[in-house]
Amino acid sequence: MLTVEILKNMTSGQIIGTGTGTYPELHSRPVRWVAVRGRGFWDWAIYYHLENNSVEFVRQQGDKCQTESVIKRLVPCDDEAYEMYRRWCNERKREWGVYCRTDGQG
């Protein structure tokens, strides 16, 4: 299970996990997904694209997963780690003094 402690000990850009499968919430065809530790304050994200693409392609060009149920299914995580998922700035990040863009995008 992914925790903030695990995220703290990972390096920026480190791959948390990868896989392939069919996820109707993401796409009508099978996809490859890559979970990556971000370059920011212990953040992370999951990117996906069609499964015939390489891990590196998906990591750099894939769409970001925004669906909570899929995020938690692909990378089981505790609530604190989920709060660090790179979506938008949330209260937890503000409490910890993380820079948040004022346009609502991060």
Protein backbone atom coordinates (compact mmCIF):
# COMPACT_ATOMS: atom_id res chain seq x y z
CA MET A 1 0.00 0.00 0.00
CA LEU A 2 1.37 3.40 -0.97
CA THR A 3 1.92 5.81 1.92
CA VAL A 4 3.40 9.30 2.23
CA GLU A 5 6.42 7.73 3.94
CA ILE A 6 7.03 5.60 0.85
CA LEU A 7 6.60 8.66 -1.39
CA LYS A 8 9.09 10.61 0.74
CA ASN A 9 11.70 7.89 0.22
CA MET A 10 11.25 7.72 -3.55
CA THR A 11 13.19 9.81 -6.01
CA SER A 12 11.56 12.34 -8.28
CA GLY A 13 10.25 10.64 -11.42
CA GLN A 14 10.54 7.12 -9.98
CA ILE A 15 7.99 4.63 -11.32
CA ILE A 16 5.62 3.40 -8.60
CA GLY A 17 3.92 0.77 -10.73
CA THR A 18 2.83 -0.18 -14.25
CA GLY A 19 0.30 -2.47 -15.81
CA THR A 20 -2.14 -3.14 -18.60
CA GLY A 21 -5.82 -3.89 -18.59
CA THR A 22 -9.31 -2.89 -19.58
CA TYR A 23 -10.75 -0.02 -17.58
CA PRO A 24 -14.00 1.29 -19.10
CA GLU A 25 -13.69 4.43 -16.95
CA LEU A 26 -10.50 5.31 -18.86
CA HIS A 27 -10.93 4.00 -22.42
CA SER A 28 -12.97 1.56 -24.49
CA ARG A 29 -9.79 -0.32 -25.47
CA PRO A 30 -7.13 -1.92 -23.23
CA VAL A 31 -4.63 0.55 -21.83
CA ARG A 32 -1.14 0.61 -20.36
CA TRP A 33 -0.81 2.67 -17.19
CA VAL A 34 2.19 4.06 -15.34
CA ALA A 35 2.17 5.49 -11.81
CA VAL A 36 4.99 7.98 -11.26
CA ARG A 37 6.33 9.90 -8.26
CA GLY A 38 6.19 13.57 -9.16
CA ARG A 39 8.80 16.24 -9.09
CA GLY A 40 6.92 18.22 -6.49
CA PHE A 41 6.22 17.82 -2.82
CA TRP A 42 5.80 14.01 -2.64
CA ASP A 43 3.09 14.10 -5.27
CA TRP A 44 2.34 11.35 -7.76
CA ALA A 45 0.11 10.60 -10.73
CA ILE A 46 -1.08 7.80 -12.97
CA TYR A 47 -0.89 8.19 -16.75
CA TYR A 48 -2.49 5.90 -19.31
CA HIS A 49 -2.60 5.33 -23.06
CA LEU A 50 -3.34 2.46 -25.43
CA GLU A 51 -1.55 -0.71 -24.33
CA ASN A 52 0.60 -1.04 -27.47
CA ASN A 53 2.59 2.02 -26.35
CA SER A 54 5.76 1.74 -24.25
CA VAL A 55 5.96 2.60 -20.57
CA GLU A 56 8.14 5.61 -21.40
CA PHE A 57 5.67 6.86 -24.03
CA VAL A 58 2.76 6.57 -21.58
CA ARG A 59 4.80 8.29 -18.86
CA GLN A 60 5.53 11.27 -21.09
CA GLN A 61 2.49 11.46 -23.38
CA GLY A 62 -0.32 9.66 -21.56
CA ASP A 63 -3.52 11.10 -20.16
CA LYS A 64 -3.72 11.59 -16.41
CA CYS A 65 -6.21 9.42 -14.54
CA GLN A 66 -8.66 11.55 -12.55
CA THR A 67 -11.08 8.85 -11.35
CA GLU A 68 -10.67 8.08 -7.64
CA SER A 69 -11.93 4.51 -7.85
CA VAL A 70 -9.50 3.68 -10.67
CA ILE A 71 -6.59 5.43 -8.94
CA LYS A 72 -7.15 3.40 -5.78
CA ARG A 73 -7.64 0.16 -7.74
CA LEU A 74 -4.42 0.56 -9.73
CA VAL A 75 -2.27 1.80 -6.83
CA PRO A 76 -3.72 0.89 -3.44
CA CYS A 77 -2.92 3.79 -1.13
CA ASP A 78 -3.89 5.18 2.23
CA ASP A 79 -5.91 8.40 2.51
CA GLU A 80 -2.85 10.54 3.15
CA ALA A 81 -1.06 9.28 0.02
CA TYR A 82 -4.25 9.71 -2.01
CA GLU A 83 -4.36 13.35 -0.91
CA MET A 84 -0.94 13.78 -2.53
CA TYR A 85 -2.24 12.59 -5.93
CA ARG A 86 -1.49 15.32 -8.47
CA ARG A 87 -4.94 16.67 -9.32
CA TRP A 88 -5.34 20.12 -7.91
CA CYS A 89 -4.22 21.79 -4.75
CA ASN A 90 -6.10 20.50 -1.73
CA GLU A 91 -6.25 21.49 1.92
CA ARG A 92 -3.64 18.91 2.98
CA LYS A 93 -1.09 20.38 0.59
CA ARG A 94 -1.86 23.90 1.80
CA GLU A 95 -1.47 22.82 5.45
CA TRP A 96 1.97 21.45 4.61
CA GLY A 97 2.99 24.70 2.91
CA VAL A 98 3.01 23.36 -0.63
CA TYR A 99 2.92 25.99 -3.35
CA CYS A 100 -0.50 25.97 -5.03
CA ARG A 101 -1.29 27.68 -8.29
CA THR A 102 -4.10 30.20 -8.03
CA ASP A 103 -5.73 29.05 -11.28
CA GLY A 104 -6.92 25.79 -9.68
CA GLN A 105 -4.62 23.58 -11.75
CA GLY A 106 -2.10 22.56 -9.14
